[in-house]
């Protein structure tokens, strides 16, 4: 039976990316890469080494490490059975995977802290909107093995420097302390006593039983209004935790890093203890968080390792790009695809230009050329679109003379250079 017209249209319908998964295509992709690479560069300057993590892990890792009461685990994970009927999950965050790798490869048996840096896509089934994606891109660091408030300050300062290094200005740093196992139990009782006297719905009451802090993170206006007078962890710290937090804030003061104390802050993951922080940008609308993190004492032991402390962050690349757009910040050089662009007129010239471009690339110079049978005007448009600093023009006359015309695209000067001297000359000009 032949296909009808509607069946044919459906069969050959253009496909789109899955809902909530952004594409980064040229020229916008250059800004994405510039932000990611600068965040990674800053981490390496602070002594953090790269770790490459699996995109999916055993589901138990996230259920145990992130916390079953969190929205991430209970509602947002991409979990499925593989062909061996094993439950695996696309990674929703990076810290649990890093900790698993540290334990598995015995990195915690050497010098501490272990300082690691990672980047890549993470996956959460959320309602897509501006800045909230189902595939989100992050750069993260983790410093594992030492409970030291000065390390907390280092991590926060590094995140702050990452944002400033790409030109972002209109953000604020919010921080608090979530205490630890010494003072959290008593606070938990006080908070639950408060919450159980409220007319909470069944789901919220169940959440209050498992992890009452999660209720303070509820975004519904009616719940926020009911919990406005709830006791706060920051008011119930013991002397050790208070001293830890005051050392962190004092060190940030000494570094000249501005912050706002937010006693109601609750991060979306259960493993956080003590120092907790978030970077907020009001130019993004509802999804104002552009990155954050905190300390996670107890996480390593919870997933089967030593009882070692750690602190880290995850910085959103997607949201940083949106924040840069909101501030009207353009990163220098991101519109440059190559430094040198070749324009050749005639078959013999194109053959020689292709060799010359290859020689430039081998020498470490980014280069491209015009392809197809284009005239000079059309080929020069390619040089402009590539953002090239220099354009090489090679026609029959230049080829016969053994030289190429080198045009400086900034001051529009143009000089002939011998073909066998082009690579060395351009390397000198671009140094």
Protein backbone atom coordinates (compact mmCIF):
# COMPACT_ATOMS: atom_id res chain seq x y z
CA UNK A 1 0.00 0.00 0.00
CA UNK A 2 1.43 3.39 -0.98
CA UNK A 3 1.99 6.09 1.62
CA UNK A 4 -0.49 8.98 1.67
CA UNK A 5 0.65 12.60 1.68
CA UNK A 6 0.40 13.14 5.48
CA UNK A 7 2.42 9.97 6.15
CA UNK A 8 5.16 11.16 3.80
CA UNK A 9 5.21 14.59 5.45
CA UNK A 10 5.52 13.02 8.90
CA UNK A 11 8.26 10.66 7.70
CA UNK A 12 10.42 13.47 6.33
CA UNK A 13 9.57 16.13 8.94
CA UNK A 14 12.58 18.12 10.10
CA UNK A 15 13.85 16.95 13.48
CA UNK A 16 14.62 19.20 16.44
CA UNK A 17 16.70 18.82 19.58
CA UNK A 18 14.84 17.26 22.54
CA UNK A 19 12.79 19.70 24.58
CA UNK A 20 14.90 21.56 27.10
CA UNK A 21 18.22 20.69 25.45
CA UNK A 22 19.98 23.75 23.99
CA UNK A 23 22.17 23.74 20.90
CA UNK A 24 25.24 25.97 20.83
CA UNK A 25 26.04 26.77 17.22
CA UNK A 26 28.47 29.31 15.70
CA UNK A 27 28.92 32.12 16.47
CA UNK A 28 27.25 31.76 19.91
CA UNK A 29 29.20 28.57 20.60
CA UNK A 30 32.42 30.58 20.79
CA UNK A 31 31.13 32.41 23.89
CA UNK A 32 30.13 29.11 25.46
CA UNK A 33 33.61 27.67 24.89
CA UNK A 34 35.33 30.85 26.11
CA UNK A 35 33.39 30.78 29.40
CA UNK A 36 33.98 27.06 29.94
CA UNK A 37 37.68 27.25 29.16
CA UNK A 38 38.23 30.29 31.38
CA UNK A 39 36.51 28.59 34.32
CA UNK A 40 38.74 25.55 33.79
CA UNK A 41 41.84 27.73 33.45
CA UNK A 42 41.13 29.46 36.75
CA UNK A 43 40.68 26.08 38.48
CA UNK A 44 44.02 24.86 37.13
CA UNK A 45 45.71 28.05 38.36
CA UNK A 46 44.54 27.07 41.85
CA UNK A 47 46.01 23.59 41.60
CA UNK A 48 42.89 21.61 40.65
CA UNK A 49 43.54 18.71 38.27
CA UNK A 50 41.15 17.42 35.62
CA UNK A 51 38.98 14.37 36.22
CA UNK A 52 36.82 12.87 33.45
CA UNK A 53 33.61 11.35 34.81
CA UNK A 54 31.13 8.85 33.30
CA UNK A 55 27.99 10.43 31.90
CA UNK A 56 25.93 7.72 33.63
CA UNK A 57 26.42 5.89 36.92
CA UNK A 58 24.76 3.23 39.03
CA UNK A 59 21.48 4.76 40.26
CA UNK A 60 22.33 3.81 43.84
CA UNK A 61 25.19 6.33 43.85
CA UNK A 62 22.84 9.28 43.45
CA UNK A 63 20.03 7.88 45.61
CA UNK A 64 22.47 7.34 48.46
CA UNK A 65 24.75 10.32 47.87
CA UNK A 66 22.40 13.10 46.75
CA UNK A 67 19.48 12.12 48.99
CA UNK A 68 16.20 10.37 48.27
CA UNK A 69 14.16 13.26 49.73
CA UNK A 70 15.52 15.74 47.16
CA UNK A 71 13.58 16.73 44.06
CA UNK A 72 16.65 15.76 42.04
CA UNK A 73 16.37 12.09 43.06
CA UNK A 74 12.60 11.81 43.54
CA UNK A 75 11.45 13.71 40.44
CA UNK A 76 14.22 14.83 38.08
CA UNK A 77 16.63 11.99 37.33
CA UNK A 78 16.88 10.28 33.96
CA UNK A 79 16.92 6.67 35.19
CA UNK A 80 16.58 3.57 33.03
CA UNK A 81 17.45 -0.12 32.91
CA UNK A 82 20.31 -1.03 30.58
CA UNK A 83 20.46 -4.22 28.49
CA UNK A 84 21.74 -6.10 31.52
CA UNK A 85 18.69 -4.93 33.50
CA UNK A 86 20.90 -2.74 35.72
CA UNK A 87 19.45 0.58 36.90
CA UNK A 88 21.62 3.44 35.66
CA UNK A 89 21.13 7.19 35.75
CA UNK A 90 22.40 10.05 33.63
CA UNK A 91 24.42 12.14 36.05
CA UNK A 92 22.32 14.95 37.60
CA UNK A 93 25.33 16.51 39.37
CA UNK A 94 29.09 15.99 39.69
CA UNK A 95 30.10 15.69 43.34
CA UNK A 96 28.82 12.15 43.99
CA UNK A 97 30.60 10.87 40.87
CA UNK A 98 33.85 12.55 41.85
CA UNK A 99 33.63 11.06 45.32
CA UNK A 100 32.98 7.60 43.90
CA UNK A 101 36.04 7.94 41.64
CA UNK A 102 38.22 9.13 44.52
CA UNK A 103 37.25 6.08 46.57
CA UNK A 104 37.55 3.62 43.68
CA UNK A 105 41.00 4.82 42.61
CA UNK A 106 42.36 5.37 46.15
CA UNK A 107 43.05 9.05 45.56
CA UNK A 108 42.18 9.68 49.20
CA UNK A 109 45.17 7.59 50.31
CA UNK A 110 47.71 10.19 49.22
CA UNK A 111 48.30 13.87 49.93
CA UNK A 112 45.21 15.75 51.05
CA UNK A 113 43.23 17.63 50.00
CA UNK A 114 42.63 15.96 46.65
CA UNK A 115 41.82 18.88 44.34
CA UNK A 116 39.87 17.96 41.21
CA UNK A 117 38.21 19.85 38.37
CA UNK A 118 35.59 18.60 35.89
CA UNK A 119 33.20 19.92 33.28
CA UNK A 120 30.50 18.68 30.96
CA UNK A 121 26.76 18.04 30.63
CA UNK A 122 24.43 17.05 33.48
CA UNK A 123 20.82 15.93 33.16
CA UNK A 124 17.65 16.77 35.07
CA UNK A 125 14.07 16.31 33.98
CA UNK A 126 12.79 19.78 34.86
CA UNK A 127 10.20 22.05 33.30
CA UNK A 128 12.21 23.88 30.63
CA UNK A 129 12.41 27.66 30.74
CA UNK A 130 15.05 30.34 30.23
CA UNK A 131 18.16 29.18 32.05
CA UNK A 132 16.61 25.88 33.18
CA UNK A 133 17.55 23.07 30.85
CA UNK A 134 17.22 19.30 30.92
CA UNK A 135 20.80 19.10 29.71
CA UNK A 136 22.78 21.69 31.65
CA UNK A 137 26.48 22.44 31.35
CA UNK A 138 28.71 23.01 34.37
CA UNK A 139 32.31 23.42 35.45
CA UNK A 140 33.00 22.13 38.95
CA UNK A 141 35.77 21.71 41.49
CA UNK A 142 36.04 19.48 44.54
CA UNK A 143 38.64 19.69 47.36
CA UNK A 144 38.43 16.47 49.33
CA UNK A 145 40.00 15.29 52.58
CA UNK A 146 40.50 18.39 54.76
CA UNK A 147 38.01 20.28 56.93
CA UNK A 148 39.56 23.75 56.91
CA UNK A 149 37.62 27.05 56.76
CA UNK A 150 40.47 28.60 54.77
CA UNK A 151 39.87 25.96 52.09
CA UNK A 152 36.19 26.94 52.08
CA UNK A 153 37.25 30.54 51.48
CA UNK A 154 39.59 29.45 48.68
CA UNK A 155 36.81 27.60 46.86
CA UNK A 156 34.38 30.52 47.19
CA UNK A 157 37.04 33.02 46.09
CA UNK A 158 37.89 30.83 43.08
CA UNK A 159 34.25 30.77 41.97
CA UNK A 160 34.03 34.54 42.40
CA UNK A 161 37.20 34.96 40.31
CA UNK A 162 35.79 32.72 37.57
CA UNK A 163 32.79 34.99 37.08
CA UNK A 164 34.84 38.18 37.21
CA UNK A 165 37.43 36.80 34.80
CA UNK A 166 34.81 36.61 32.03
CA UNK A 167 33.62 40.17 32.74
CA UNK A 168 30.54 39.46 34.83
CA UNK A 169 29.80 42.15 37.44
CA UNK A 170 26.13 42.29 38.45
CA UNK A 171 26.00 39.17 40.59
CA UNK A 172 25.98 38.65 44.33
CA UNK A 173 27.35 35.95 46.57
CA UNK A 174 24.99 34.56 49.22
CA UNK A 175 26.21 32.26 51.94
CA UNK A 176 25.24 30.59 55.18
CA UNK A 177 26.17 27.66 57.40
CA UNK A 178 24.08 24.50 57.63
CA UNK A 179 25.93 23.20 60.69
CA UNK A 180 26.98 19.57 61.08
CA UNK A 181 26.02 16.35 62.87
CA UNK A 182 26.86 17.91 66.24
CA UNK A 183 24.27 20.68 66.13
CA UNK A 184 21.88 19.67 63.34
CA UNK A 185 19.92 17.04 65.35
CA UNK A 186 18.80 19.54 68.00
CA UNK A 187 17.91 22.08 65.32
CA UNK A 188 16.06 19.42 63.34
CA UNK A 189 13.83 18.74 66.33
CA UNK A 190 13.04 22.45 66.76
CA UNK A 191 12.28 22.85 63.05
CA UNK A 192 10.08 19.75 62.92
CA UNK A 193 8.20 20.89 66.01
CA UNK A 194 7.50 24.18 64.22
CA UNK A 195 6.55 22.56 60.91
CA UNK A 196 4.25 19.89 62.34
CA UNK A 197 2.10 22.65 63.85
CA UNK A 198 1.46 24.06 60.37
CA UNK A 199 -1.40 23.01 58.03
CA UNK A 200 0.99 21.33 55.56
CA UNK A 201 -0.25 19.13 52.74
CA UNK A 202 0.55 15.42 52.96
CA UNK A 203 3.54 15.50 50.61
CA UNK A 204 5.15 18.46 52.37
CA UNK A 205 4.55 16.89 55.79
CA UNK A 206 6.23 13.72 54.57
CA UNK A 207 9.18 15.81 53.39
CA UNK A 208 9.35 17.47 56.82
CA UNK A 209 9.64 14.03 58.39
CA UNK A 210 12.54 12.96 56.14
CA UNK A 211 14.45 16.23 55.77
CA UNK A 212 12.74 19.29 57.29
CA UNK A 213 15.30 21.68 55.74
CA UNK A 214 13.79 20.85 52.35
CA UNK A 215 10.54 22.53 53.41
CA UNK A 216 12.35 25.85 53.81
CA UNK A 217 13.41 25.47 50.16
CA UNK A 218 9.79 25.20 48.98
CA UNK A 219 9.11 27.87 46.33
CA UNK A 220 5.33 27.98 46.76
CA UNK A 221 4.27 31.38 48.18
CA UNK A 222 1.82 29.84 50.65
CA UNK A 223 4.52 27.57 52.10
CA UNK A 224 7.04 30.42 52.22
CA UNK A 225 4.50 32.53 54.10
CA UNK A 226 3.81 29.76 56.62
CA UNK A 227 7.53 29.18 57.25
CA UNK A 228 8.52 32.84 57.46
CA UNK A 229 9.06 32.57 61.23
CA UNK A 230 10.65 29.11 61.19
CA UNK A 231 13.79 28.64 63.30
CA UNK A 232 16.98 29.00 61.25
CA UNK A 233 20.09 26.84 61.37
CA UNK A 234 22.35 29.88 61.50
CA UNK A 235 20.83 30.81 64.88
CA UNK A 236 21.44 27.32 66.29
CA UNK A 237 25.09 26.68 65.45
CA UNK A 238 27.32 25.36 68.21
CA UNK A 239 30.56 27.19 69.06
CA UNK A 240 32.72 25.07 66.73
CA UNK A 241 30.49 25.59 63.70
CA UNK A 242 30.08 29.27 64.46
CA UNK A 243 33.85 29.74 64.69
CA UNK A 244 34.26 27.86 61.39
CA UNK A 245 31.74 30.11 59.64
CA UNK A 246 33.20 33.29 61.12
CA UNK A 247 36.66 32.27 59.88
CA UNK A 248 35.25 31.79 56.38
CA UNK A 249 33.50 35.16 56.34
CA UNK A 250 36.49 36.89 57.92
CA UNK A 251 38.82 35.48 55.27
CA UNK A 252 36.45 36.60 52.50
CA UNK A 253 36.45 40.06 54.10
CA UNK A 254 40.25 40.08 54.02
CA UNK A 255 40.16 39.07 50.32
CA UNK A 256 37.77 41.91 49.54
CA UNK A 257 35.02 39.57 48.37
CA UNK A 258 31.53 40.96 48.96
CA UNK A 259 28.79 38.63 50.19
CA UNK A 260 25.34 38.60 51.73
CA UNK A 261 24.38 36.30 54.60
CA UNK A 262 21.24 34.39 53.65
CA UNK A 263 20.11 32.37 56.70
CA UNK A 264 17.23 30.76 54.75
CA UNK A 265 19.44 29.31 52.02
CA UNK A 266 18.90 25.61 51.42
CA UNK A 267 20.80 23.99 48.56
CA UNK A 268 18.97 21.41 46.45
CA UNK A 269 21.16 18.48 47.55
CA UNK A 270 21.08 16.72 50.92
CA UNK A 271 24.81 16.24 51.45
CA UNK A 272 25.69 19.86 52.31
CA UNK A 273 26.99 20.75 55.77
CA UNK A 274 28.64 23.85 57.27
CA UNK A 275 29.57 26.43 54.61
CA UNK A 276 26.97 26.72 51.85
CA UNK A 277 26.94 29.37 49.10
CA UNK A 278 25.24 30.47 45.91
CA UNK A 279 25.96 33.06 43.23
CA UNK A 280 22.84 34.92 42.09
CA UNK A 281 22.25 37.14 39.06
CA UNK A 282 18.98 39.07 38.92
CA UNK A 283 19.20 39.56 35.15
CA UNK A 284 18.08 35.98 34.54
CA UNK A 285 14.56 36.20 35.91
CA UNK A 286 13.22 33.27 37.93
CA UNK A 287 16.32 31.11 37.39
CA UNK A 288 18.67 33.56 39.10
CA UNK A 289 21.20 31.07 40.47
CA UNK A 290 24.29 30.89 38.25
CA UNK A 291 26.35 28.58 40.46
CA UNK A 292 27.03 27.49 43.98
CA UNK A 293 28.23 24.79 46.30
CA UNK A 294 29.32 24.03 49.81
CA UNK A 295 30.94 21.62 52.22
CA UNK A 296 29.77 18.01 52.39
CA UNK A 297 31.12 16.31 55.50
CA UNK A 298 29.92 12.71 55.66
CA UNK A 299 29.28 12.18 51.95
CA UNK A 300 32.33 9.98 51.39
CA UNK A 301 31.40 7.65 54.26
CA UNK A 302 27.82 7.59 53.03
CA UNK A 303 28.85 6.04 49.71
CA UNK A 304 31.32 3.57 51.18
CA UNK A 305 34.59 5.44 51.69
CA UNK A 306 36.54 6.98 54.52
CA UNK A 307 34.88 9.57 56.72
CA UNK A 308 36.59 12.52 55.02
CA UNK A 309 35.30 16.03 54.47
CA UNK A 310 35.08 17.93 51.20
CA UNK A 311 33.97 21.17 49.62
CA UNK A 312 33.22 22.13 46.03
CA UNK A 313 31.08 24.04 43.58
CA UNK A 314 29.29 23.75 40.26
CA UNK A 315 29.20 26.82 38.01
CA UNK A 316 26.56 26.94 35.30
CA UNK A 317 28.01 27.68 31.87
CA UNK A 318 24.56 28.08 30.30
CA UNK A 319 23.43 30.61 32.89
CA UNK A 320 26.73 32.48 32.82
CA UNK A 321 26.31 32.95 29.06
CA UNK A 322 22.79 34.28 29.67
CA UNK A 323 24.07 36.57 32.44
CA UNK A 324 26.74 37.96 30.10
CA UNK A 325 24.02 38.67 27.53
CA UNK A 326 21.91 40.37 30.21
CA UNK A 327 24.83 42.65 31.07
CA UNK A 328 25.70 43.25 27.42
CA UNK A 329 29.20 41.83 27.89
CA UNK A 330 31.01 40.63 24.76
CA UNK A 331 34.11 38.52 25.27
CA UNK A 332 37.20 39.62 23.34
CA UNK A 333 38.20 37.45 20.44
CA UNK A 334 35.27 35.03 20.54
CA UNK A 335 34.18 36.08 17.05
CA UNK A 336 37.56 35.09 15.59
CA UNK A 337 37.47 31.67 13.98
CA UNK A 338 41.03 31.79 12.64
CA UNK A 339 43.93 34.24 12.62
CA UNK A 340 44.83 33.79 8.95
CA UNK A 341 42.56 33.32 5.94
CA UNK A 342 43.78 32.40 2.46
CA UNK A 343 42.24 33.71 -0.76
CA UNK A 344 43.48 32.00 -3.92
CA UNK A 345 42.48 32.84 -7.48
CA UNK A 346 43.04 30.12 -10.06
CA UNK A 347 43.61 26.36 -9.85
CA UNK A 348 47.40 26.52 -9.43
CA UNK A 349 47.08 29.22 -6.76
CA UNK A 350 44.47 27.20 -4.86
CA UNK A 351 46.78 24.19 -4.85
CA UNK A 352 49.68 26.27 -3.50
CA UNK A 353 47.43 28.02 -0.96
CA UNK A 354 46.17 24.69 0.40
CA UNK A 355 49.79 23.70 1.08
CA UNK A 356 50.53 27.06 2.67
CA UNK A 357 47.49 26.82 4.97
CA UNK A 358 48.59 23.33 6.01
CA UNK A 359 52.10 24.63 6.80
CA UNK A 360 50.62 27.41 8.96
CA UNK A 361 48.50 24.93 10.92
CA UNK A 362 51.51 22.65 11.43
CA UNK A 363 53.34 25.68 12.86
CA UNK A 364 50.53 26.33 15.35
CA UNK A 365 48.81 29.17 13.46
CA UNK A 366 45.04 28.91 13.07
CA UNK A 367 44.28 29.18 9.36
CA UNK A 368 41.56 28.54 6.79
CA UNK A 369 41.00 29.38 3.13
CA UNK A 370 38.28 30.07 0.64
CA UNK A 371 36.98 26.97 -1.13
CA UNK A 372 35.07 26.71 -4.37
CA UNK A 373 35.45 28.85 -7.46
CA UNK A 374 34.88 32.23 -5.78
CA UNK A 375 35.93 35.61 -7.02
CA UNK A 376 38.06 37.99 -4.94
CA UNK A 377 35.09 39.89 -3.50
CA UNK A 378 33.24 36.76 -2.40
CA UNK A 379 36.37 35.20 -0.95
CA UNK A 380 37.16 38.33 1.07
CA UNK A 381 33.73 38.04 2.69
CA UNK A 382 34.89 34.68 4.00
CA UNK A 383 37.92 36.37 5.59
CA UNK A 384 35.65 38.90 7.28
CA UNK A 385 33.30 36.22 8.61
CA UNK A 386 36.25 34.23 9.94
CA UNK A 387 37.39 37.28 11.92
CA UNK A 388 40.89 36.80 10.49
CA UNK A 389 43.65 39.19 11.50
CA UNK A 390 45.53 38.60 8.25
CA UNK A 391 44.37 37.62 4.78
CA UNK A 392 46.69 36.02 2.23
CA UNK A 393 45.87 36.82 -1.40
CA UNK A 394 47.50 34.60 -4.03
CA UNK A 395 46.81 34.96 -7.72
CA UNK A 396 48.69 33.89 -10.84
CA UNK A 397 50.85 37.02 -10.79
CA UNK A 398 51.88 36.54 -7.13
CA UNK A 399 52.48 32.83 -7.71
CA UNK A 400 54.78 33.54 -10.63
CA UNK A 401 56.72 36.03 -8.49
CA UNK A 402 57.01 33.48 -5.65
CA UNK A 403 55.21 35.69 -3.15
CA UNK A 404 51.85 36.27 -1.53
CA UNK A 405 50.09 39.51 -0.65
CA UNK A 406 49.49 39.76 3.12
CA UNK A 407 46.67 42.09 4.15
CA UNK A 408 46.35 43.31 7.75
CA UNK A 409 42.60 43.28 8.37
CA UNK A 410 42.82 45.82 11.19
CA UNK A 411 44.75 48.67 9.54
CA UNK A 412 44.13 47.47 5.94
CA UNK A 413 47.83 47.68 5.05
CA UNK A 414 49.04 45.21 2.45
CA UNK A 415 52.57 43.91 1.77
CA UNK A 416 54.10 41.23 -0.45
CA UNK A 417 56.00 38.43 1.35
CA UNK A 418 58.01 35.61 -0.19
CA UNK A 419 56.11 32.33 -0.07
CA UNK A 420 58.88 30.56 1.83
CA UNK A 421 58.87 33.31 4.49
CA UNK A 422 55.12 33.53 5.14
CA UNK A 423 54.96 31.08 8.04
CA UNK A 424 57.84 32.62 9.98
CA UNK A 425 56.63 36.17 9.27
CA UNK A 426 53.05 35.54 10.40
CA UNK A 427 54.18 33.67 13.50
CA UNK A 428 56.19 36.75 14.42
CA UNK A 429 53.28 39.12 13.78
CA UNK A 430 50.88 36.98 15.80
CA UNK A 431 53.21 36.41 18.76
